[in-house]
């Protein structure tokens, strides 16, 4: 099983991956599937909209969505709207 290496930098609470795909291509299914994995953390609510609607709120706002993730979790965000932004 994959184990995430320890991080020692200030970006620790940023996501490790983004899923960006057009609407209606299975992103909700993928979100549900990944959310059920014990080593993957996805924020509550599928779409944070940081890069297209909330960028001016800053990185600290974005990191707040990942505050409940363990340090060993693989963190991600799924947002099909980013592809059309």
C-alpha atoms as a PDB file:
ATOM      1  CA  UNK A   1       0.000   0.000   0.000  1.00  0.00           C
ATOM      2  CA  UNK A   2       1.203   3.501  -0.835  1.00  0.00           C
ATOM      3  CA  UNK A   3       2.342   5.635   2.092  1.00  0.00           C
ATOM      4  CA  UNK A   4       2.671   9.346   1.665  1.00  0.00           C
ATOM      5  CA  UNK A   5       6.128  10.649   2.602  1.00  0.00           C
ATOM      6  CA  UNK A   6       6.419  13.069   5.481  1.00  0.00           C
ATOM      7  CA  UNK A   7       6.329  16.744   4.490  1.00  0.00           C
ATOM      8  CA  UNK A   8       8.103  19.457   6.415  1.00  0.00           C
ATOM      9  CA  UNK A   9       7.098  22.530   4.399  1.00  0.00           C
ATOM     10  CA  UNK A  10       4.405  25.193   4.719  1.00  0.00           C
ATOM     11  CA  UNK A  11       2.462  23.699   1.798  1.00  0.00           C
ATOM     12  CA  UNK A  12       1.515  20.685   3.895  1.00  0.00           C
ATOM     13  CA  UNK A  13      -2.175  21.582   3.910  1.00  0.00           C
ATOM     14  CA  UNK A  14      -2.459  22.162   0.178  1.00  0.00           C
ATOM     15  CA  UNK A  15      -3.929  19.409  -1.985  1.00  0.00           C
ATOM     16  CA  UNK A  16      -1.671  16.790  -3.509  1.00  0.00           C
ATOM     17  CA  UNK A  17      -3.864  16.457  -6.582  1.00  0.00           C
ATOM     18  CA  UNK A  18      -6.629  18.187  -8.538  1.00  0.00           C
ATOM     19  CA  UNK A  19      -9.227  16.462 -10.685  1.00  0.00           C
ATOM     20  CA  UNK A  20     -10.287  18.761 -13.497  1.00  0.00           C
ATOM     21  CA  UNK A  21     -12.674  17.457 -16.098  1.00  0.00           C
ATOM     22  CA  UNK A  22     -15.634  18.739 -18.068  1.00  0.00           C
ATOM     23  CA  UNK A  23     -19.036  18.584 -16.350  1.00  0.00           C
ATOM     24  CA  UNK A  24     -20.976  15.359 -16.833  1.00  0.00           C
ATOM     25  CA  UNK A  25     -17.867  13.178 -17.180  1.00  0.00           C
ATOM     26  CA  UNK A  26     -18.061  11.236 -13.926  1.00  0.00           C
ATOM     27  CA  UNK A  27     -16.471  13.652 -11.460  1.00  0.00           C
ATOM     28  CA  UNK A  28     -19.248  13.086  -8.894  1.00  0.00           C
ATOM     29  CA  UNK A  29     -18.765   9.329  -9.167  1.00  0.00           C
ATOM     30  CA  UNK A  30     -14.991   9.779  -8.822  1.00  0.00           C
ATOM     31  CA  UNK A  31     -15.468  12.093  -5.825  1.00  0.00           C
ATOM     32  CA  UNK A  32     -17.661   9.500  -4.102  1.00  0.00           C
ATOM     33  CA  UNK A  33     -15.214   6.700  -4.883  1.00  0.00           C
ATOM     34  CA  UNK A  34     -12.141   8.588  -3.667  1.00  0.00           C
ATOM     35  CA  UNK A  35     -13.966   9.873  -0.560  1.00  0.00           C
ATOM     36  CA  UNK A  36     -14.540   6.300   0.547  1.00  0.00           C
ATOM     37  CA  UNK A  37     -10.806   5.506   0.533  1.00  0.00           C
ATOM     38  CA  UNK A  38      -9.310   5.706   4.053  1.00  0.00           C
ATOM     39  CA  UNK A  39      -6.049   7.344   2.907  1.00  0.00           C
ATOM     40  CA  UNK A  40      -7.608  10.043   0.737  1.00  0.00           C
ATOM     41  CA  UNK A  41      -9.054  13.282   2.052  1.00  0.00           C
ATOM     42  CA  UNK A  42     -11.438  15.403  -0.006  1.00  0.00           C
ATOM     43  CA  UNK A  43     -13.036  18.513   1.489  1.00  0.00           C
ATOM     44  CA  UNK A  44     -16.724  18.502   2.304  1.00  0.00           C
ATOM     45  CA  UNK A  45     -18.555  19.600  -0.785  1.00  0.00           C
ATOM     46  CA  UNK A  46     -17.075  18.648  -4.118  1.00  0.00           C
ATOM     47  CA  UNK A  47     -16.304  22.105  -5.443  1.00  0.00           C
ATOM     48  CA  UNK A  48     -14.289  24.686  -3.513  1.00  0.00           C
ATOM     49  CA  UNK A  49     -13.912  27.065  -6.493  1.00  0.00           C
ATOM     50  CA  UNK A  50     -10.702  28.575  -5.162  1.00  0.00           C
ATOM     51  CA  UNK A  51      -9.014  29.125  -8.523  1.00  0.00           C
ATOM     52  CA  UNK A  52     -12.045  30.521 -10.347  1.00  0.00           C
ATOM     53  CA  UNK A  53     -14.149  32.307  -7.710  1.00  0.00           C
ATOM     54  CA  UNK A  54     -12.259  32.646  -4.413  1.00  0.00           C
ATOM     55  CA  UNK A  55      -8.615  33.191  -5.378  1.00  0.00           C
ATOM     56  CA  UNK A  56      -8.626  36.677  -3.842  1.00  0.00           C
ATOM     57  CA  UNK A  57      -9.333  35.118  -0.418  1.00  0.00           C
ATOM     58  CA  UNK A  58      -5.798  33.769  -0.433  1.00  0.00           C
ATOM     59  CA  UNK A  59      -4.011  30.541   0.237  1.00  0.00           C
ATOM     60  CA  UNK A  60      -4.888  30.507   3.948  1.00  0.00           C
ATOM     61  CA  UNK A  61      -8.600  30.356   3.014  1.00  0.00           C
ATOM     62  CA  UNK A  62      -7.879  27.476   0.652  1.00  0.00           C
ATOM     63  CA  UNK A  63      -5.844  25.607   3.279  1.00  0.00           C
ATOM     64  CA  UNK A  64      -8.769  25.835   5.734  1.00  0.00           C
ATOM     65  CA  UNK A  65     -10.606  23.262   3.609  1.00  0.00           C
ATOM     66  CA  UNK A  66      -7.864  20.733   4.409  1.00  0.00           C
ATOM     67  CA  UNK A  67      -7.441  21.409   8.124  1.00  0.00           C
ATOM     68  CA  UNK A  68      -9.208  18.168   9.103  1.00  0.00           C
ATOM     69  CA  UNK A  69      -6.930  15.995   6.961  1.00  0.00           C
ATOM     70  CA  UNK A  70      -4.302  13.915   8.702  1.00  0.00           C
ATOM     71  CA  UNK A  71      -0.696  14.601   7.790  1.00  0.00           C
ATOM     72  CA  UNK A  72      -0.500  11.195   6.087  1.00  0.00           C
ATOM     73  CA  UNK A  73      -3.655  11.658   4.012  1.00  0.00           C
ATOM     74  CA  UNK A  74      -3.437  12.240   0.308  1.00  0.00           C
ATOM     75  CA  UNK A  75      -5.455  15.424  -0.174  1.00  0.00           C
ATOM     76  CA  UNK A  76      -7.322  16.343  -3.307  1.00  0.00           C
ATOM     77  CA  UNK A  77      -9.860  18.610  -4.888  1.00  0.00           C
ATOM     78  CA  UNK A  78     -12.356  17.787  -7.612  1.00  0.00           C
ATOM     79  CA  UNK A  79     -13.884  20.610  -9.624  1.00  0.00           C
ATOM     80  CA  UNK A  80     -15.169  20.194 -13.176  1.00  0.00           C
ATOM     81  CA  UNK A  81     -15.733  23.948 -13.507  1.00  0.00           C
ATOM     82  CA  UNK A  82     -12.003  24.705 -13.572  1.00  0.00           C
ATOM     83  CA  UNK A  83     -11.769  23.376 -17.109  1.00  0.00           C
ATOM     84  CA  UNK A  84     -14.092  26.086 -18.419  1.00  0.00           C
ATOM     85  CA  UNK A  85     -12.597  28.939 -16.370  1.00  0.00           C
END
